[in-house]
N, C-alpha and C. Protein backbone atom coordinates (compact mmCIF):
# COMPACT_ATOMS: atom_id res chain seq x y z
N MET A 1 2.03 -14.56 -8.34
CA MET A 1 1.44 -13.39 -7.68
C MET A 1 0.13 -13.80 -7.02
N SER A 2 -0.07 -13.32 -5.82
CA SER A 2 -1.32 -13.59 -5.13
C SER A 2 -2.43 -12.75 -5.77
N ASP A 3 -3.67 -13.12 -5.48
CA ASP A 3 -4.76 -12.40 -6.10
C ASP A 3 -5.13 -11.12 -5.34
N ARG A 4 -4.57 -10.93 -4.15
CA ARG A 4 -4.84 -9.73 -3.37
C ARG A 4 -3.58 -9.30 -2.63
N ILE A 5 -3.42 -7.99 -2.51
CA ILE A 5 -2.36 -7.45 -1.68
C ILE A 5 -2.88 -7.49 -0.24
N THR A 6 -2.13 -8.09 0.66
CA THR A 6 -2.57 -8.25 2.04
C THR A 6 -2.04 -7.12 2.93
N VAL A 7 -2.59 -7.06 4.12
CA VAL A 7 -2.11 -6.10 5.12
C VAL A 7 -0.64 -6.40 5.43
N GLU A 8 -0.29 -7.67 5.50
CA GLU A 8 1.09 -8.06 5.77
C GLU A 8 2.02 -7.56 4.67
N GLU A 9 1.61 -7.70 3.43
CA GLU A 9 2.43 -7.24 2.32
C GLU A 9 2.55 -5.71 2.33
N LEU A 10 1.46 -5.02 2.62
CA LEU A 10 1.51 -3.56 2.70
C LEU A 10 2.45 -3.13 3.81
N SER A 11 2.41 -3.80 4.94
CA SER A 11 3.30 -3.49 6.06
C SER A 11 4.76 -3.66 5.64
N GLU A 12 5.05 -4.75 4.94
CA GLU A 12 6.41 -4.99 4.46
C GLU A 12 6.84 -3.93 3.45
N LEU A 13 5.94 -3.55 2.56
CA LEU A 13 6.25 -2.52 1.56
C LEU A 13 6.48 -1.16 2.21
N MET A 14 5.72 -0.85 3.25
CA MET A 14 5.90 0.42 3.95
C MET A 14 7.30 0.49 4.56
N LYS A 15 7.76 -0.62 5.09
CA LYS A 15 9.10 -0.65 5.68
C LYS A 15 10.17 -0.56 4.60
N LYS A 16 10.00 -1.33 3.53
CA LYS A 16 11.00 -1.36 2.47
C LYS A 16 11.07 -0.05 1.69
N ALA A 17 9.93 0.48 1.30
CA ALA A 17 9.90 1.64 0.40
C ALA A 17 9.92 2.98 1.12
N ALA A 18 9.43 3.01 2.36
CA ALA A 18 9.33 4.29 3.06
C ALA A 18 10.11 4.31 4.36
N GLY A 19 10.65 3.17 4.78
CA GLY A 19 11.41 3.12 6.00
C GLY A 19 10.58 3.26 7.27
N VAL A 20 9.29 2.98 7.17
CA VAL A 20 8.39 3.10 8.31
C VAL A 20 7.90 1.71 8.70
N THR A 21 8.15 1.35 9.95
CA THR A 21 7.76 0.04 10.44
C THR A 21 6.43 0.13 11.18
N VAL A 22 5.43 -0.54 10.63
CA VAL A 22 4.13 -0.67 11.27
C VAL A 22 3.77 -2.15 11.18
N ALA A 23 3.66 -2.79 12.33
CA ALA A 23 3.33 -4.22 12.34
C ALA A 23 1.99 -4.45 11.66
N PRO A 24 1.84 -5.59 10.98
CA PRO A 24 0.57 -5.88 10.31
C PRO A 24 -0.63 -5.80 11.24
N GLU A 25 -0.46 -6.25 12.48
CA GLU A 25 -1.57 -6.20 13.44
C GLU A 25 -1.96 -4.76 13.74
N GLU A 26 -0.95 -3.90 13.90
CA GLU A 26 -1.22 -2.48 14.16
C GLU A 26 -1.85 -1.83 12.93
N LEU A 27 -1.36 -2.19 11.76
CA LEU A 27 -1.92 -1.64 10.53
C LEU A 27 -3.39 -2.04 10.39
N GLN A 28 -3.70 -3.28 10.74
CA GLN A 28 -5.09 -3.75 10.68
C GLN A 28 -5.96 -2.96 11.66
N GLN A 29 -5.45 -2.69 12.85
CA GLN A 29 -6.20 -1.92 13.85
C GLN A 29 -6.41 -0.48 13.41
N HIS A 30 -5.50 0.05 12.62
CA HIS A 30 -5.56 1.44 12.17
C HIS A 30 -5.88 1.52 10.68
N TYR A 31 -6.72 0.63 10.23
CA TYR A 31 -7.05 0.49 8.81
C TYR A 31 -7.61 1.78 8.20
N ASP A 32 -8.31 2.56 9.00
CA ASP A 32 -8.90 3.80 8.50
C ASP A 32 -8.17 5.05 9.00
N THR A 33 -6.99 4.86 9.55
CA THR A 33 -6.16 5.97 10.00
C THR A 33 -5.34 6.47 8.82
N GLY A 34 -5.15 7.76 8.76
CA GLY A 34 -4.38 8.34 7.66
C GLY A 34 -2.95 7.83 7.63
N PHE A 35 -2.43 7.65 6.41
CA PHE A 35 -1.03 7.26 6.28
C PHE A 35 -0.12 8.26 6.98
N ASP A 36 -0.48 9.54 6.95
CA ASP A 36 0.35 10.55 7.59
C ASP A 36 0.49 10.29 9.09
N VAL A 37 -0.58 9.85 9.73
CA VAL A 37 -0.55 9.53 11.16
C VAL A 37 0.35 8.31 11.41
N LEU A 38 0.38 7.41 10.44
CA LEU A 38 1.21 6.21 10.56
C LEU A 38 2.67 6.48 10.21
N GLY A 39 2.96 7.69 9.75
CA GLY A 39 4.34 8.06 9.43
C GLY A 39 4.70 7.98 7.97
N ILE A 40 3.72 7.75 7.10
CA ILE A 40 3.97 7.66 5.66
C ILE A 40 3.54 8.98 5.01
N ASP A 41 4.49 9.68 4.40
CA ASP A 41 4.14 10.89 3.69
C ASP A 41 3.88 10.55 2.22
N SER A 42 3.62 11.56 1.40
CA SER A 42 3.28 11.31 0.00
C SER A 42 4.44 10.64 -0.75
N LEU A 43 5.67 11.01 -0.44
CA LEU A 43 6.80 10.36 -1.11
C LEU A 43 6.94 8.89 -0.68
N GLY A 44 6.66 8.62 0.57
CA GLY A 44 6.69 7.24 1.04
C GLY A 44 5.65 6.38 0.34
N LEU A 45 4.45 6.93 0.19
CA LEU A 45 3.39 6.19 -0.50
C LEU A 45 3.73 6.01 -1.98
N LEU A 46 4.35 7.02 -2.56
CA LEU A 46 4.80 6.89 -3.94
C LEU A 46 5.83 5.76 -4.07
N GLY A 47 6.68 5.62 -3.07
CA GLY A 47 7.63 4.51 -3.05
C GLY A 47 6.95 3.16 -2.97
N VAL A 48 5.90 3.07 -2.17
CA VAL A 48 5.12 1.83 -2.06
C VAL A 48 4.49 1.50 -3.41
N VAL A 49 3.91 2.51 -4.05
CA VAL A 49 3.29 2.32 -5.37
C VAL A 49 4.34 1.84 -6.38
N GLY A 50 5.49 2.50 -6.39
CA GLY A 50 6.56 2.13 -7.31
C GLY A 50 7.04 0.70 -7.09
N GLU A 51 7.17 0.32 -5.84
CA GLU A 51 7.61 -1.04 -5.52
C GLU A 51 6.59 -2.08 -6.00
N LEU A 52 5.31 -1.80 -5.81
CA LEU A 52 4.28 -2.72 -6.29
C LEU A 52 4.29 -2.81 -7.82
N GLU A 53 4.45 -1.67 -8.48
CA GLU A 53 4.48 -1.68 -9.95
C GLU A 53 5.68 -2.48 -10.46
N LYS A 54 6.80 -2.33 -9.79
CA LYS A 54 8.00 -3.08 -10.18
C LYS A 54 7.81 -4.57 -9.89
N ARG A 55 7.25 -4.87 -8.75
CA ARG A 55 7.06 -6.26 -8.33
C ARG A 55 6.14 -7.02 -9.29
N TYR A 56 5.06 -6.37 -9.71
CA TYR A 56 4.05 -7.05 -10.53
C TYR A 56 4.12 -6.69 -12.02
N GLY A 57 5.00 -5.75 -12.38
CA GLY A 57 5.20 -5.42 -13.78
C GLY A 57 4.02 -4.76 -14.47
N THR A 58 3.21 -4.08 -13.71
CA THR A 58 2.05 -3.39 -14.29
C THR A 58 1.76 -2.13 -13.48
N PRO A 59 1.29 -1.08 -14.15
CA PRO A 59 1.03 0.16 -13.41
C PRO A 59 -0.22 0.06 -12.53
N LEU A 60 -0.17 0.76 -11.41
CA LEU A 60 -1.33 0.88 -10.53
C LEU A 60 -2.20 2.02 -11.03
N PRO A 61 -3.44 2.08 -10.59
CA PRO A 61 -4.29 3.20 -10.96
C PRO A 61 -3.63 4.52 -10.53
N PRO A 62 -3.81 5.59 -11.30
CA PRO A 62 -3.17 6.87 -10.97
C PRO A 62 -3.54 7.40 -9.58
N ASP A 63 -4.69 7.04 -9.07
CA ASP A 63 -5.12 7.53 -7.76
C ASP A 63 -4.47 6.80 -6.60
N ALA A 64 -3.71 5.74 -6.86
CA ALA A 64 -3.13 4.94 -5.77
C ALA A 64 -2.25 5.79 -4.86
N GLU A 65 -1.48 6.68 -5.45
CA GLU A 65 -0.58 7.50 -4.63
C GLU A 65 -1.30 8.60 -3.87
N ARG A 66 -2.59 8.76 -4.12
CA ARG A 66 -3.37 9.79 -3.41
C ARG A 66 -4.27 9.21 -2.33
N CYS A 67 -4.22 7.90 -2.14
CA CYS A 67 -5.03 7.28 -1.09
C CYS A 67 -4.61 7.82 0.27
N ARG A 68 -5.58 8.00 1.13
CA ARG A 68 -5.31 8.58 2.45
C ARG A 68 -5.14 7.54 3.55
N THR A 69 -5.73 6.36 3.38
CA THR A 69 -5.69 5.34 4.43
C THR A 69 -5.30 3.98 3.85
N PRO A 70 -4.84 3.08 4.70
CA PRO A 70 -4.55 1.73 4.23
C PRO A 70 -5.78 1.07 3.58
N ARG A 71 -6.98 1.30 4.16
CA ARG A 71 -8.19 0.72 3.58
C ARG A 71 -8.41 1.22 2.15
N GLN A 72 -8.32 2.53 1.94
CA GLN A 72 -8.50 3.09 0.60
C GLN A 72 -7.48 2.49 -0.37
N PHE A 73 -6.23 2.42 0.08
CA PHE A 73 -5.16 1.92 -0.77
C PHE A 73 -5.40 0.47 -1.16
N LEU A 74 -5.65 -0.38 -0.19
CA LEU A 74 -5.85 -1.79 -0.48
C LEU A 74 -7.12 -2.03 -1.30
N ASP A 75 -8.18 -1.29 -1.02
CA ASP A 75 -9.40 -1.44 -1.82
C ASP A 75 -9.13 -1.08 -3.28
N LEU A 76 -8.40 0.02 -3.51
CA LEU A 76 -8.12 0.45 -4.87
C LEU A 76 -7.18 -0.54 -5.57
N VAL A 77 -6.10 -0.89 -4.90
CA VAL A 77 -5.12 -1.79 -5.52
C VAL A 77 -5.73 -3.17 -5.77
N ASN A 78 -6.47 -3.68 -4.81
CA ASN A 78 -7.05 -5.01 -4.97
C ASN A 78 -8.20 -5.02 -5.97
N GLY A 79 -8.73 -3.87 -6.30
CA GLY A 79 -9.76 -3.78 -7.32
C GLY A 79 -9.19 -3.55 -8.71
N SER A 80 -7.86 -3.38 -8.80
CA SER A 80 -7.21 -3.08 -10.09
C SER A 80 -6.72 -4.36 -10.74
N ALA A 81 -6.19 -4.21 -11.91
CA ALA A 81 -5.67 -5.36 -12.68
C ALA A 81 -4.44 -5.97 -12.05
N VAL A 82 -3.69 -5.20 -11.23
CA VAL A 82 -2.48 -5.72 -10.61
C VAL A 82 -2.79 -6.94 -9.76
N ALA A 83 -3.78 -6.80 -8.90
CA ALA A 83 -4.08 -7.89 -7.98
C ALA A 83 -5.14 -8.83 -8.52
N GLY A 84 -5.98 -8.35 -9.40
CA GLY A 84 -7.12 -9.15 -9.82
C GLY A 84 -6.93 -9.94 -11.09
N ALA A 85 -5.86 -9.67 -11.83
CA ALA A 85 -5.70 -10.33 -13.12
C ALA A 85 -5.08 -11.70 -12.98
């Protein structure tokens, strides 16, 4: 496991778990744009959270599914035990 979840990995997870394709470059440009604007609803984000928990075998912080932007999500996830341990 890498020590940080990258924009590329988040982009891949968004496609796999929510069926929404956003290129990593576009995601980086819209780092502070709401997930809703990018086409990810709350269920889609819950799918991303579930996929990460399954992938790394550890729960994410409870607030992960309530993040509004890619920046908030990556900051929270990368500050948790999943990415930092």
